[in-house]
Every structure is written in C-alpha cells, then in structure tokens.
C-alpha cells in the first residue's frame, strides 16, 4: 500500500458540495484505504482572474493502484462530475491532482509527481499541512514550515474537515 495525497479543487456549480461529494465517493471507493480529509478552503484562481474563486481541499489515503491507473480512475471521477478540459487554469467543475505518491517520482507526458508547483501553492500546502503536518516533501522541505511561511493570498477556511464515517 502506498500513501497518496490528492489536491481537490472546483469553482463551477456548487464547488463546496462537489468536494464534499468527491470525499464521500473516495471514502467508499474500493481502491482507497484510511482516507483523511482536510477542511475546505476558498482561494483566488491561480490562472485567469475572470472566473469564480475556488474551493480547495487535500485528501490522503493508502492505495494499491499504480500511478497511471490511479490517474485514469481520478480522471473518470472528474468526468463523472462534469469536468470538461478547456483552457489551462480555467474554470472547472472538478480538478483532482495527484500531489504525492509515496516518495516516488514520476515524470511522464501525462503525469508529474510530485505535482509541479506543490511548494508554491498555498491552496495545496495549507490543507496538506492540516492532514500531514509531519510530512516532508521529496525535496526535503517540511510541509508544515512551507505552509507557515507562504503568503496566503486571501486563502481562508470555509468549512471544517468532513467528519469520518463508515
């Protein structure tokens, strides 16, 4: 079993409910074990500013899926939630990024792990530090110290972590 961390984001439809629904779907998925979920955070869009603010969260779990089958599965979930791939960093109903896959590095045309920019994105670092405060990134940098030192750029918590239930 490999410990995986995913970044979740949405800014179309009802993004808060979408992320809660995705967390619930992951909690019930047969490829997920021991799911932990961060609080939900509101953040400004990273790319074009002519779109609504995002709701973001991070989840962690153990899985036996290899990186590419995991990516395929997550992209199916995105599609199920109405994801249409348009402009880069554009508005979306759901975005799921594989942030970390154990301590492995993956660098293919389809997938880069650790996720590019993980150390510069407050909407990833703050919720990741919430569920994994003792985690060190493959670079050796502490998630907790990065989250404490990064500018929050208006990032704020909008809902507590969903309660764990069977």
Protein backbone atom coordinates (compact mmCIF):
# COMPACT_ATOMS: atom_id res chain seq x y z
CA UNK A 1 0.00 0.00 0.00
CA UNK A 2 1.26 3.45 -0.96
CA UNK A 3 0.29 6.70 0.80
CA UNK A 4 -1.15 9.13 -1.74
CA UNK A 5 -2.15 12.78 -1.39
CA UNK A 6 -4.57 14.45 -3.80
CA UNK A 7 -5.42 18.10 -4.30
CA UNK A 8 -9.09 18.80 -4.97
CA UNK A 9 -10.46 21.99 -6.48
CA UNK A 10 -13.62 23.32 -8.08
CA UNK A 11 -15.13 26.69 -8.94
CA UNK A 12 -18.19 25.94 -11.07
CA UNK A 13 -21.61 24.73 -9.99
CA UNK A 14 -21.66 24.19 -6.21
CA UNK A 15 -17.93 23.67 -5.56
CA UNK A 16 -18.24 23.15 -1.81
CA UNK A 17 -20.82 20.39 -2.26
CA UNK A 18 -18.83 18.89 -5.14
CA UNK A 19 -15.74 18.48 -2.95
CA UNK A 20 -17.78 17.00 -0.11
CA UNK A 21 -19.38 14.56 -2.58
CA UNK A 22 -15.96 13.60 -4.01
CA UNK A 23 -14.63 12.99 -0.50
CA UNK A 24 -17.63 10.78 0.21
CA UNK A 25 -17.11 8.88 -3.06
CA UNK A 26 -13.43 8.33 -2.22
CA UNK A 27 -14.36 7.18 1.29
CA UNK A 28 -16.47 4.43 -0.29
CA UNK A 29 -14.09 3.52 -3.15
CA UNK A 30 -12.53 0.07 -3.12
CA UNK A 31 -9.10 1.44 -4.11
CA UNK A 32 -8.97 3.78 -1.06
CA UNK A 33 -8.00 2.84 2.49
CA UNK A 34 -7.78 5.12 5.55
CA UNK A 35 -8.97 8.35 3.92
CA UNK A 36 -8.14 11.60 5.67
CA UNK A 37 -9.66 14.90 4.52
CA UNK A 38 -8.67 18.49 5.13
CA UNK A 39 -11.00 21.38 5.74
CA UNK A 40 -12.37 23.23 2.71
CA UNK A 41 -10.65 26.48 1.74
CA UNK A 42 -11.61 29.33 -0.58
CA UNK A 43 -8.87 30.70 -2.81
CA UNK A 44 -8.38 33.06 -5.72
CA UNK A 45 -7.93 31.45 -9.14
CA UNK A 46 -4.32 30.69 -9.99
CA UNK A 47 -4.70 31.49 -13.66
CA UNK A 48 -7.12 33.85 -15.39
CA UNK A 49 -8.95 36.03 -12.88
CA UNK A 50 -12.17 36.21 -14.95
CA UNK A 51 -13.60 33.20 -13.12
CA UNK A 52 -15.09 32.46 -9.70
CA UNK A 53 -12.94 31.76 -6.65
CA UNK A 54 -12.04 28.12 -6.00
CA UNK A 55 -12.87 25.77 -3.20
CA UNK A 56 -9.87 23.55 -2.42
CA UNK A 57 -9.02 20.65 -0.13
CA UNK A 58 -6.47 17.87 0.19
CA UNK A 59 -7.14 14.21 0.88
CA UNK A 60 -4.73 11.43 1.76
CA UNK A 61 -5.17 7.67 1.65
CA UNK A 62 -3.45 4.37 1.04
CA UNK A 63 -3.90 2.56 -2.27
CA UNK A 64 -2.57 -0.38 -4.24
CA UNK A 65 -3.21 1.32 -7.58
CA UNK A 66 -0.12 2.24 -9.56
CA UNK A 67 0.22 5.92 -10.55
CA UNK A 68 -1.20 5.74 -14.11
CA UNK A 69 -4.20 3.53 -13.21
CA UNK A 70 -4.84 5.91 -10.29
CA UNK A 71 -4.71 8.88 -12.68
CA UNK A 72 -7.12 7.14 -15.06
CA UNK A 73 -9.52 6.44 -12.18
CA UNK A 74 -9.37 10.03 -10.94
CA UNK A 75 -9.96 11.41 -14.43
CA UNK A 76 -13.07 9.19 -14.68
CA UNK A 77 -14.29 10.70 -11.40
CA UNK A 78 -13.64 14.20 -12.78
CA UNK A 79 -15.66 13.33 -15.90
CA UNK A 80 -18.48 11.93 -13.74
CA UNK A 81 -18.64 15.33 -12.05
CA UNK A 82 -18.88 17.13 -15.40
CA UNK A 83 -15.23 18.07 -15.93
CA UNK A 84 -14.56 19.37 -19.41
CA UNK A 85 -10.93 20.09 -20.24
CA UNK A 86 -10.72 23.59 -21.67
CA UNK A 87 -8.21 26.36 -21.26
CA UNK A 88 -5.26 25.90 -18.95
CA UNK A 89 -6.07 27.04 -15.41
CA UNK A 90 -9.61 27.81 -16.48
CA UNK A 91 -12.82 27.32 -14.52
CA UNK A 92 -13.84 23.74 -13.80
CA UNK A 93 -16.45 21.67 -12.04
CA UNK A 94 -13.73 19.47 -10.52
CA UNK A 95 -9.97 19.17 -10.62
CA UNK A 96 -8.16 16.28 -8.92
CA UNK A 97 -4.37 16.36 -8.87
CA UNK A 98 -2.07 13.63 -7.58
CA UNK A 99 0.25 15.63 -5.34
CA UNK A 100 2.37 12.83 -3.91
CA UNK A 101 2.59 9.09 -4.45
CA UNK A 102 4.62 7.78 -1.53
CA UNK A 103 8.15 9.03 -2.03
CA UNK A 104 8.12 8.14 -5.72
CA UNK A 105 8.93 10.49 -8.56
CA UNK A 106 7.01 10.14 -11.81
CA UNK A 107 7.81 12.24 -14.85
CA UNK A 108 5.81 11.30 -17.94
CA UNK A 109 3.89 13.29 -20.51
CA UNK A 110 0.64 12.57 -18.62
CA UNK A 111 1.79 12.73 -15.02
CA UNK A 112 4.35 14.53 -12.92
CA UNK A 113 4.78 13.54 -9.26
CA UNK A 114 5.45 15.34 -7.00
CA UNK A 115 2.94 17.71 -8.55
CA UNK A 116 4.61 20.68 -10.20
CA UNK A 117 4.38 23.79 -8.05
CA UNK A 118 3.37 21.97 -4.87
CA UNK A 119 5.74 24.15 -2.82
CA UNK A 120 4.39 27.43 -4.21
CA UNK A 121 0.64 26.87 -3.86
CA UNK A 122 -0.96 27.97 -0.62
CA UNK A 123 -4.21 26.21 -1.56
CA UNK A 124 -2.25 22.93 -1.52
CA UNK A 125 0.25 23.49 1.29
CA UNK A 126 -2.18 24.74 3.95
CA UNK A 127 -4.68 21.86 3.68
CA UNK A 128 -1.83 19.34 3.21
CA UNK A 129 -0.19 20.58 6.41
CA UNK A 130 -3.55 20.22 8.15
CA UNK A 131 -3.74 16.46 7.48
CA UNK A 132 0.00 15.68 7.33
CA UNK A 133 1.86 18.22 9.50
CA UNK A 134 4.93 16.00 9.89
CA UNK A 135 5.28 15.25 6.18
CA UNK A 136 8.48 16.15 4.38
CA UNK A 137 8.32 16.57 0.62
CA UNK A 138 10.77 14.68 -1.62
CA UNK A 139 12.77 17.94 -1.79
CA UNK A 140 13.37 17.58 1.96
CA UNK A 141 11.24 20.62 2.78
CA UNK A 142 8.72 20.34 5.60
CA UNK A 143 5.10 20.80 4.55
CA UNK A 144 4.36 22.47 7.89
CA UNK A 145 7.15 25.04 7.58
CA UNK A 146 6.28 25.77 3.94
CA UNK A 147 2.61 26.26 4.87
CA UNK A 148 3.54 28.61 7.71
CA UNK A 149 5.85 30.74 5.57
CA UNK A 150 3.84 31.02 2.33
CA UNK A 151 1.66 34.03 1.62
CA UNK A 152 -1.97 33.01 1.96
CA UNK A 153 -3.16 35.30 -0.89
CA UNK A 154 -6.66 35.50 0.58
CA UNK A 155 -6.90 31.76 1.27
CA UNK A 156 -9.36 31.11 4.08
CA UNK A 157 -11.10 28.14 5.62
CA UNK A 158 -14.78 27.95 4.73
CA UNK A 159 -15.77 24.60 6.22
CA UNK A 160 -14.25 22.13 8.68
CA UNK A 161 -12.97 18.76 7.57
CA UNK A 162 -15.90 16.45 6.94
CA UNK A 163 -16.37 14.01 9.77
CA UNK A 164 -15.15 10.49 9.12
CA UNK A 165 -17.87 7.92 8.97
CA UNK A 166 -18.01 4.36 7.67
